[in-house]
Amino acid sequence: MPERLPRVLVVEDNADTADIIQRRLQLDGMEPVVCMRGAEAKTLLGQRQFDAVVLDIMMPDVSGFEVLEHVRATPALADLPVIMLTAKASPQDREQAKDMCADAYIVKPFGPHDLVRTLRGCFRRRSNAAAAPAN
């Protein structure tokens, strides 16, 4: 039985950006699931299993920070890798994401290959942590 492709929830309210991300992740052997609203992301996270989340901060309903807070506060999701992908480049925003335990912070405009490399690094760290013997 073939191994399941890594499933990535992409939360991005700009249709063109979401399309670029979706196409790149598909080309790199991932299964992207795209939604354009934070509330929808929270619902999907409760319904399906994901291997990572790519999360914009500025959205029309629930902010990316609110979605990140939901992920970290939900025991079944708390270890899920979350990559913030945003136009917000201020040190304060980066610090807030770090304080909320985001795994990475990528500023738009971005190179899709950088996103893929970051996701693969998250998958490797998660796999290595799962394979490490318990003390």
Protein backbone atom coordinates (compact mmCIF):
# COMPACT_ATOMS: atom_id res chain seq x y z
CA MET A 1 0.00 0.00 0.00
CA PRO A 2 1.54 3.35 -1.02
CA GLU A 3 2.32 5.90 1.66
CA ARG A 4 -0.12 8.81 1.91
CA LEU A 5 1.06 12.13 0.52
CA PRO A 6 1.69 14.80 3.16
CA ARG A 7 -1.55 16.78 3.52
CA VAL A 8 -1.08 20.52 3.98
CA LEU A 9 -3.84 22.94 4.94
CA VAL A 10 -3.24 26.21 3.08
CA VAL A 11 -5.12 29.14 4.61
CA GLU A 12 -4.80 32.05 2.18
CA ASP A 13 -7.46 34.62 1.24
CA ASN A 14 -5.76 35.78 -1.98
CA ALA A 15 -6.91 33.43 -4.76
CA ASP A 16 -3.81 33.96 -6.93
CA THR A 17 -1.41 33.26 -4.05
CA ALA A 18 -3.46 30.24 -2.98
CA ASP A 19 -3.31 28.90 -6.53
CA ILE A 20 0.48 29.33 -6.72
CA ILE A 21 0.93 27.52 -3.40
CA GLN A 22 -1.49 24.75 -4.35
CA ARG A 23 0.23 24.08 -7.69
CA ARG A 24 3.72 24.10 -6.17
CA LEU A 25 2.81 21.74 -3.34
CA GLN A 26 1.16 19.35 -5.80
CA LEU A 27 4.29 19.40 -8.00
CA ASP A 28 6.37 18.56 -4.94
CA GLY A 29 4.32 15.52 -3.95
CA MET A 30 2.03 17.02 -1.35
CA GLU A 31 -1.74 17.13 -1.04
CA PRO A 32 -2.77 20.76 -0.47
CA VAL A 33 -6.21 21.58 0.89
CA VAL A 34 -6.95 25.27 0.34
CA CYS A 35 -9.37 27.43 2.28
CA MET A 36 -9.72 31.19 2.26
CA ARG A 37 -11.06 31.96 5.73
CA GLY A 38 -9.79 31.38 9.23
CA ALA A 39 -13.12 30.04 10.50
CA GLU A 40 -13.15 27.46 7.70
CA ALA A 41 -9.59 26.46 8.62
CA LYS A 42 -10.63 25.81 12.23
CA THR A 43 -13.50 23.63 10.99
CA LEU A 44 -11.28 21.66 8.59
CA LEU A 45 -8.69 21.09 11.32
CA GLY A 46 -11.40 19.40 13.36
CA GLN A 47 -12.56 17.22 10.48
CA ARG A 48 -9.41 16.00 8.72
CA GLN A 49 -5.84 15.04 9.53
CA PHE A 50 -3.13 17.39 8.29
CA ASP A 51 0.65 17.15 8.35
CA ALA A 52 1.20 20.94 8.35
CA VAL A 53 -0.57 24.28 8.01
CA VAL A 54 0.51 27.21 5.84
CA LEU A 55 -1.24 30.18 7.38
CA ASP A 56 -1.72 33.79 6.29
CA ILE A 57 -2.18 36.29 9.13
CA MET A 58 -4.47 38.90 7.56
CA MET A 59 -7.81 37.36 6.63
CA PRO A 60 -11.32 38.80 6.45
CA ASP A 61 -12.79 36.89 9.40
CA VAL A 62 -10.57 35.03 11.87
CA SER A 63 -6.90 36.10 11.81
CA GLY A 64 -4.06 33.68 11.30
CA PHE A 65 -2.93 34.39 14.86
CA GLU A 66 -6.34 33.25 16.11
CA VAL A 67 -6.09 30.06 14.05
CA LEU A 68 -2.57 29.45 15.38
CA GLU A 69 -3.85 29.95 18.92
CA HIS A 70 -6.62 27.40 18.24
CA VAL A 71 -4.08 24.87 16.91
CA ARG A 72 -1.75 25.21 19.89
CA ALA A 73 -4.65 25.05 22.39
CA THR A 74 -6.15 21.87 20.88
CA PRO A 75 -4.36 18.79 22.27
CA ALA A 76 -4.83 16.73 19.08
CA LEU A 77 -3.31 19.54 16.99
CA ALA A 78 -0.76 21.07 19.37
CA ASP A 79 2.28 19.51 17.63
CA LEU A 80 1.09 20.28 14.10
CA PRO A 81 3.72 22.31 12.19
CA VAL A 82 2.43 25.79 11.35
CA ILE A 83 4.20 28.04 8.86
CA MET A 84 3.11 31.66 8.84
CA LEU A 85 3.13 33.04 5.27
CA THR A 86 2.29 36.71 5.36
CA ALA A 87 2.93 40.22 4.10
CA LYS A 88 3.33 41.36 7.72
CA ALA A 89 7.08 41.81 8.07
CA SER A 90 7.39 43.77 11.31
CA PRO A 91 9.58 42.50 14.14
CA GLN A 92 6.51 42.63 16.41
CA ASP A 93 4.55 40.26 14.15
CA ARG A 94 7.50 37.88 13.88
CA GLU A 95 7.94 37.94 17.65
CA GLN A 96 4.24 37.29 18.22
CA ALA A 97 4.36 34.28 15.88
CA LYS A 98 7.46 32.97 17.67
CA ASP A 99 5.84 33.48 21.08
CA MET A 100 2.81 31.52 19.83
CA CYS A 101 5.09 28.67 18.70
CA ALA A 102 4.82 29.05 14.94
CA ASP A 103 7.36 26.74 13.34
CA ALA A 104 8.43 29.20 10.64
CA TYR A 105 7.68 32.70 9.37
CA ILE A 106 7.92 33.49 5.66
CA VAL A 107 7.31 37.01 4.36
CA LYS A 108 5.56 37.71 1.05
CA PRO A 109 6.63 38.03 -1.65
CA PHE A 110 8.14 34.59 -1.26
CA GLY A 111 9.79 31.93 -3.35
CA PRO A 112 7.58 28.83 -3.57
CA HIS A 113 10.73 26.67 -3.34
CA ASP A 114 11.46 28.28 0.06
CA LEU A 115 8.01 27.25 1.27
CA VAL A 116 8.54 23.67 0.08
CA ARG A 117 11.97 23.51 1.72
CA THR A 118 10.50 24.81 4.99
CA LEU A 119 7.65 22.28 4.89
CA ARG A 120 10.04 19.40 4.21
CA GLY A 121 12.16 20.51 7.16
CA CYS A 122 9.07 20.48 9.39
CA PHE A 123 8.17 16.97 8.17
CA ARG A 124 11.72 15.74 8.88
CA ARG A 125 11.76 17.20 12.40
CA ARG A 126 8.35 15.71 13.14
CA SER A 127 9.40 12.31 11.79
CA ASN A 128 12.66 12.37 13.77
CA ALA A 129 10.80 13.32 16.95
CA ALA A 130 8.33 10.47 16.45
CA ALA A 131 11.16 7.99 15.87
CA ALA A 132 13.18 9.09 18.91
CA PRO A 133 13.06 6.62 21.81
CA ALA A 134 11.09 7.74 24.84
CA ASN A 135 13.12 8.37 28.00
